[in-house]
Amino acid sequence: MKKQVNAVKTGENIARLMRLNHITTYDLQMTLGFQSGTNIYNWLKGRMIPSVHHLVNLSEIFKCPIEEILVIEED
């Protein structure tokens, strides 16, 4: 069986973790050093998933393992 990341559900997970940790899109933008919030909005909408580098940083920001951020499903 093949596994893949569900981008939409991962985005929903990131939004949930942001709410739980009282972190805004702007907070993430500044912490991750983005010029704009476009990448974060793309993650939240499921258009993109964070790079491995950003997943490592998100796991530190949210104080959770990367596996709690990603939603992995089997085909």
C-alpha atoms as a PDB file:
ATOM      1  CA  MET A   1       0.000   0.000   0.000  1.00  0.00           C
ATOM      2  CA  LYS A   2       1.172   3.481  -0.887  1.00  0.00           C
ATOM      3  CA  LYS A   3       1.049   6.317   1.642  1.00  0.00           C
ATOM      4  CA  GLN A   4       0.736   9.987   0.872  1.00  0.00           C
ATOM      5  CA  VAL A   5       0.213  13.260   2.682  1.00  0.00           C
ATOM      6  CA  ASN A   6      -3.304  14.682   2.517  1.00  0.00           C
ATOM      7  CA  ALA A   7      -2.560  18.389   1.927  1.00  0.00           C
ATOM      8  CA  VAL A   8      -6.069  19.624   2.787  1.00  0.00           C
ATOM      9  CA  LYS A   9      -6.262  17.755   6.090  1.00  0.00           C
ATOM     10  CA  THR A  10      -2.696  18.756   6.918  1.00  0.00           C
ATOM     11  CA  GLY A  11      -3.689  22.391   6.364  1.00  0.00           C
ATOM     12  CA  GLU A  12      -6.666  21.899   8.667  1.00  0.00           C
ATOM     13  CA  ASN A  13      -4.302  20.396  11.241  1.00  0.00           C
ATOM     14  CA  ILE A  14      -1.963  23.381  11.016  1.00  0.00           C
ATOM     15  CA  ALA A  15      -4.933  25.727  11.503  1.00  0.00           C
ATOM     16  CA  ARG A  16      -6.049  23.694  14.547  1.00  0.00           C
ATOM     17  CA  LEU A  17      -2.562  23.786  16.056  1.00  0.00           C
ATOM     18  CA  MET A  18      -2.364  27.528  15.438  1.00  0.00           C
ATOM     19  CA  ARG A  19      -5.667  28.041  17.290  1.00  0.00           C
ATOM     20  CA  LEU A  20      -4.611  25.784  20.185  1.00  0.00           C
ATOM     21  CA  ASN A  21      -1.348  27.666  20.560  1.00  0.00           C
ATOM     22  CA  HIS A  22      -2.852  31.129  19.973  1.00  0.00           C
ATOM     23  CA  ILE A  23      -0.541  31.711  17.005  1.00  0.00           C
ATOM     24  CA  THR A  24      -1.596  33.946  14.128  1.00  0.00           C
ATOM     25  CA  THR A  25      -0.578  33.716  10.504  1.00  0.00           C
ATOM     26  CA  TYR A  26       1.469  36.860  11.043  1.00  0.00           C
ATOM     27  CA  ASP A  27       3.231  35.230  14.021  1.00  0.00           C
ATOM     28  CA  LEU A  28       4.221  32.264  11.843  1.00  0.00           C
ATOM     29  CA  GLN A  29       5.259  34.556   9.007  1.00  0.00           C
ATOM     30  CA  MET A  30       7.619  36.478  11.284  1.00  0.00           C
ATOM     31  CA  THR A  31       8.962  33.394  13.081  1.00  0.00           C
ATOM     32  CA  LEU A  32       9.654  31.533   9.837  1.00  0.00           C
ATOM     33  CA  GLY A  33      11.082  34.626   8.126  1.00  0.00           C
ATOM     34  CA  PHE A  34       8.613  34.846   5.247  1.00  0.00           C
ATOM     35  CA  GLN A  35       8.188  38.141   3.394  1.00  0.00           C
ATOM     36  CA  SER A  36       4.420  37.552   3.210  1.00  0.00           C
ATOM     37  CA  GLY A  37       1.873  35.095   4.517  1.00  0.00           C
ATOM     38  CA  THR A  38       1.278  33.515   1.096  1.00  0.00           C
ATOM     39  CA  ASN A  39       3.035  30.227   1.876  1.00  0.00           C
ATOM     40  CA  ILE A  40       1.167  29.861   5.147  1.00  0.00           C
ATOM     41  CA  TYR A  41      -2.186  30.580   3.486  1.00  0.00           C
ATOM     42  CA  ASN A  42      -1.318  27.971   0.832  1.00  0.00           C
ATOM     43  CA  TRP A  43      -0.624  25.424   3.586  1.00  0.00           C
ATOM     44  CA  LEU A  44      -3.897  26.247   5.345  1.00  0.00           C
ATOM     45  CA  LYS A  45      -5.883  25.894   2.103  1.00  0.00           C
ATOM     46  CA  GLY A  46      -4.176  22.593   1.220  1.00  0.00           C
ATOM     47  CA  ARG A  47      -2.551  23.971  -1.922  1.00  0.00           C
ATOM     48  CA  MET A  48       0.934  23.142  -0.610  1.00  0.00           C
ATOM     49  CA  ILE A  49       2.485  21.225   2.244  1.00  0.00           C
ATOM     50  CA  PRO A  50       5.343  22.667   4.278  1.00  0.00           C
ATOM     51  CA  SER A  51       8.873  21.656   3.328  1.00  0.00           C
ATOM     52  CA  VAL A  52      10.765  19.346   5.670  1.00  0.00           C
ATOM     53  CA  HIS A  53      12.694  22.355   6.949  1.00  0.00           C
ATOM     54  CA  HIS A  54       9.465  24.187   7.784  1.00  0.00           C
ATOM     55  CA  LEU A  55       7.905  21.067   9.309  1.00  0.00           C
ATOM     56  CA  VAL A  56      10.834  20.847  11.720  1.00  0.00           C
ATOM     57  CA  ASN A  57      10.301  24.482  12.697  1.00  0.00           C
ATOM     58  CA  LEU A  58       6.520  24.045  12.989  1.00  0.00           C
ATOM     59  CA  SER A  59       6.990  21.051  15.275  1.00  0.00           C
ATOM     60  CA  GLU A  60       9.141  23.206  17.560  1.00  0.00           C
ATOM     61  CA  ILE A  61       6.688  26.108  17.450  1.00  0.00           C
ATOM     62  CA  PHE A  62       3.683  23.873  18.190  1.00  0.00           C
ATOM     63  CA  LYS A  63       5.679  21.649  20.590  1.00  0.00           C
ATOM     64  CA  CYS A  64       4.522  18.467  18.863  1.00  0.00           C
ATOM     65  CA  PRO A  65       6.028  15.788  16.629  1.00  0.00           C
ATOM     66  CA  ILE A  66       5.948  16.249  12.866  1.00  0.00           C
ATOM     67  CA  GLU A  67       3.618  13.233  12.672  1.00  0.00           C
ATOM     68  CA  GLU A  68       1.003  15.271  14.533  1.00  0.00           C
ATOM     69  CA  ILE A  69       1.148  18.001  11.879  1.00  0.00           C
ATOM     70  CA  LEU A  70       0.998  15.808   8.771  1.00  0.00           C
ATOM     71  CA  VAL A  71      -2.050  13.742   7.865  1.00  0.00           C
ATOM     72  CA  ILE A  72      -0.796  10.618   6.117  1.00  0.00           C
ATOM     73  CA  GLU A  73      -3.264   8.336   4.362  1.00  0.00           C
ATOM     74  CA  GLU A  74      -2.969   5.034   2.544  1.00  0.00           C
ATOM     75  CA  ASP A  75      -4.138   4.603  -1.041  1.00  0.00           C
END
